[in-house]
Amino acid sequence: MPKYYQYKACGYYLYFTTACIIEAMHVHASDKKLTQQGSAKFFVKADGETTVENRGVLTDHEINEIRKFIKIHYLEMLSRWSVVSDNGFYGE
């Protein structure tokens, strides 16, 4: 599974799977096991804002912190995403 970053944001890895690339750009947040069960899923919009598809086991505080992180780094994330997917931001 490609990670957007090797380090964690708010204690969670941010990643996508190759099975996910048929959808709009999004970010999973999961623990060290990188399993989708219990992970959160954030669809990313063209302005860096996110829509939470699934909150998984994350608290409101963790979700807000990860949303802030994505907002800062979404263009870098798009470049990783674009290597394997032609689909762009959510809502396009």
C-alpha atoms as a PDB file:
ATOM      1  CA  MET A   1       0.000   0.000   0.000  1.00  0.00           C
ATOM      2  CA  PRO A   2       1.463   3.337  -0.961  1.00  0.00           C
ATOM      3  CA  LYS A   3       1.819   5.699   1.963  1.00  0.00           C
ATOM      4  CA  TYR A   4       1.576   9.413   1.374  1.00  0.00           C
ATOM      5  CA  TYR A   5       4.267   9.876   4.034  1.00  0.00           C
ATOM      6  CA  GLN A   6       6.503   7.477   5.937  1.00  0.00           C
ATOM      7  CA  TYR A   7       5.727   9.184   9.216  1.00  0.00           C
ATOM      8  CA  LYS A   8       2.408   9.360  11.022  1.00  0.00           C
ATOM      9  CA  ALA A   9      -0.057  12.213  11.323  1.00  0.00           C
ATOM     10  CA  CYS A  10      -1.777  12.284  14.692  1.00  0.00           C
ATOM     11  CA  GLY A  11      -0.608   8.708  15.310  1.00  0.00           C
ATOM     12  CA  TYR A  12      -1.932   7.300  12.016  1.00  0.00           C
ATOM     13  CA  TYR A  13      -0.385   6.436   8.668  1.00  0.00           C
ATOM     14  CA  LEU A  14      -1.981   8.159   5.691  1.00  0.00           C
ATOM     15  CA  TYR A  15      -2.217   5.927   2.632  1.00  0.00           C
ATOM     16  CA  PHE A  16      -4.254   4.686  -0.316  1.00  0.00           C
ATOM     17  CA  THR A  17      -4.586   1.259  -1.898  1.00  0.00           C
ATOM     18  CA  THR A  18      -4.328   0.347  -5.545  1.00  0.00           C
ATOM     19  CA  ALA A  19      -7.873  -1.014  -5.305  1.00  0.00           C
ATOM     20  CA  CYS A  20      -9.039   2.499  -4.371  1.00  0.00           C
ATOM     21  CA  ILE A  21      -7.738   4.323  -7.417  1.00  0.00           C
ATOM     22  CA  ILE A  22     -11.011   3.924  -9.300  1.00  0.00           C
ATOM     23  CA  GLU A  23     -12.524   6.454  -6.901  1.00  0.00           C
ATOM     24  CA  ALA A  24     -11.798  10.140  -6.461  1.00  0.00           C
ATOM     25  CA  MET A  25      -8.655  11.053  -4.562  1.00  0.00           C
ATOM     26  CA  HIS A  26      -8.890  10.111  -0.921  1.00  0.00           C
ATOM     27  CA  VAL A  27      -6.785   9.347   2.107  1.00  0.00           C
ATOM     28  CA  HIS A  28      -7.097   6.432   4.527  1.00  0.00           C
ATOM     29  CA  ALA A  29      -5.834   6.918   8.068  1.00  0.00           C
ATOM     30  CA  SER A  30      -4.907   3.720   9.871  1.00  0.00           C
ATOM     31  CA  ASP A  31      -2.659   2.228  12.510  1.00  0.00           C
ATOM     32  CA  LYS A  32       0.595   0.383  11.873  1.00  0.00           C
ATOM     33  CA  LYS A  33      -1.265  -2.629  10.479  1.00  0.00           C
ATOM     34  CA  LEU A  34      -2.580  -0.533   7.573  1.00  0.00           C
ATOM     35  CA  THR A  35      -5.847  -2.408   7.555  1.00  0.00           C
ATOM     36  CA  GLN A  36      -9.000  -0.814   6.193  1.00  0.00           C
ATOM     37  CA  GLN A  37     -11.026  -2.233   9.061  1.00  0.00           C
ATOM     38  CA  GLY A  38     -11.206   0.550  11.622  1.00  0.00           C
ATOM     39  CA  SER A  39      -9.505   3.056   9.323  1.00  0.00           C
ATOM     40  CA  ALA A  40     -10.890   6.456   8.464  1.00  0.00           C
ATOM     41  CA  LYS A  41     -11.435   7.624   4.896  1.00  0.00           C
ATOM     42  CA  PHE A  42     -11.190  11.256   3.799  1.00  0.00           C
ATOM     43  CA  PHE A  43     -12.188  12.327   0.278  1.00  0.00           C
ATOM     44  CA  VAL A  44     -10.086  15.326  -0.781  1.00  0.00           C
ATOM     45  CA  LYS A  45     -11.578  18.318  -2.626  1.00  0.00           C
ATOM     46  CA  ALA A  46      -9.728  20.659  -5.008  1.00  0.00           C
ATOM     47  CA  ASP A  47      -9.220  23.256  -2.255  1.00  0.00           C
ATOM     48  CA  GLY A  48      -7.755  20.737   0.204  1.00  0.00           C
ATOM     49  CA  GLU A  49     -10.909  20.470   2.282  1.00  0.00           C
ATOM     50  CA  THR A  50     -12.093  16.952   3.050  1.00  0.00           C
ATOM     51  CA  THR A  51     -15.283  14.978   3.387  1.00  0.00           C
ATOM     52  CA  VAL A  52     -15.150  12.176   5.927  1.00  0.00           C
ATOM     53  CA  GLU A  53     -16.525   9.005   4.357  1.00  0.00           C
ATOM     54  CA  ASN A  54     -15.733   6.781   7.319  1.00  0.00           C
ATOM     55  CA  ARG A  55     -14.408   7.860  10.704  1.00  0.00           C
ATOM     56  CA  GLY A  56     -13.162   4.408  11.715  1.00  0.00           C
ATOM     57  CA  VAL A  57     -11.908   4.429  15.296  1.00  0.00           C
ATOM     58  CA  LEU A  58     -10.653   8.034  15.215  1.00  0.00           C
ATOM     59  CA  THR A  59     -11.816  10.581  17.750  1.00  0.00           C
ATOM     60  CA  ASP A  60     -13.183  13.988  16.743  1.00  0.00           C
ATOM     61  CA  HIS A  61      -9.862  15.561  17.756  1.00  0.00           C
ATOM     62  CA  GLU A  62      -7.860  13.116  15.608  1.00  0.00           C
ATOM     63  CA  ILE A  63     -10.152  13.681  12.632  1.00  0.00           C
ATOM     64  CA  ASN A  64      -9.763  17.450  12.920  1.00  0.00           C
ATOM     65  CA  GLU A  65      -5.977  17.200  13.178  1.00  0.00           C
ATOM     66  CA  ILE A  66      -5.745  14.890  10.160  1.00  0.00           C
ATOM     67  CA  ARG A  67      -8.030  17.185   8.164  1.00  0.00           C
ATOM     68  CA  LYS A  68      -5.686  20.102   8.967  1.00  0.00           C
ATOM     69  CA  PHE A  69      -2.686  18.003   7.926  1.00  0.00           C
ATOM     70  CA  ILE A  70      -4.328  17.042   4.633  1.00  0.00           C
ATOM     71  CA  LYS A  71      -5.242  20.690   3.953  1.00  0.00           C
ATOM     72  CA  ILE A  72      -1.562  21.638   4.233  1.00  0.00           C
ATOM     73  CA  HIS A  73      -0.194  18.697   2.206  1.00  0.00           C
ATOM     74  CA  TYR A  74      -2.956  17.861  -0.289  1.00  0.00           C
ATOM     75  CA  LEU A  75      -1.028  18.952  -3.392  1.00  0.00           C
ATOM     76  CA  GLU A  76       1.911  16.729  -2.445  1.00  0.00           C
ATOM     77  CA  MET A  77      -0.558  13.914  -1.850  1.00  0.00           C
ATOM     78  CA  LEU A  78      -2.149  14.497  -5.251  1.00  0.00           C
ATOM     79  CA  SER A  79       1.226  14.034  -6.919  1.00  0.00           C
ATOM     80  CA  ARG A  80       1.581  10.590  -5.278  1.00  0.00           C
ATOM     81  CA  TRP A  81      -2.011   9.712  -6.147  1.00  0.00           C
ATOM     82  CA  SER A  82      -1.640  10.843  -9.777  1.00  0.00           C
ATOM     83  CA  VAL A  83       1.151   8.365 -10.421  1.00  0.00           C
ATOM     84  CA  VAL A  84      -1.360   5.502 -10.258  1.00  0.00           C
ATOM     85  CA  SER A  85      -4.753   7.128 -10.904  1.00  0.00           C
ATOM     86  CA  ASP A  86      -6.298   9.428 -13.488  1.00  0.00           C
ATOM     87  CA  ASN A  87      -9.073  10.358 -11.066  1.00  0.00           C
ATOM     88  CA  GLY A  88      -8.734  13.729  -9.450  1.00  0.00           C
ATOM     89  CA  PHE A  89     -10.241  15.491  -6.507  1.00  0.00           C
ATOM     90  CA  TYR A  90     -13.594  14.638  -4.974  1.00  0.00           C
ATOM     91  CA  GLY A  91     -16.451  16.444  -6.672  1.00  0.00           C
ATOM     92  CA  GLU A  92     -14.687  17.052  -9.990  1.00  0.00           C
END
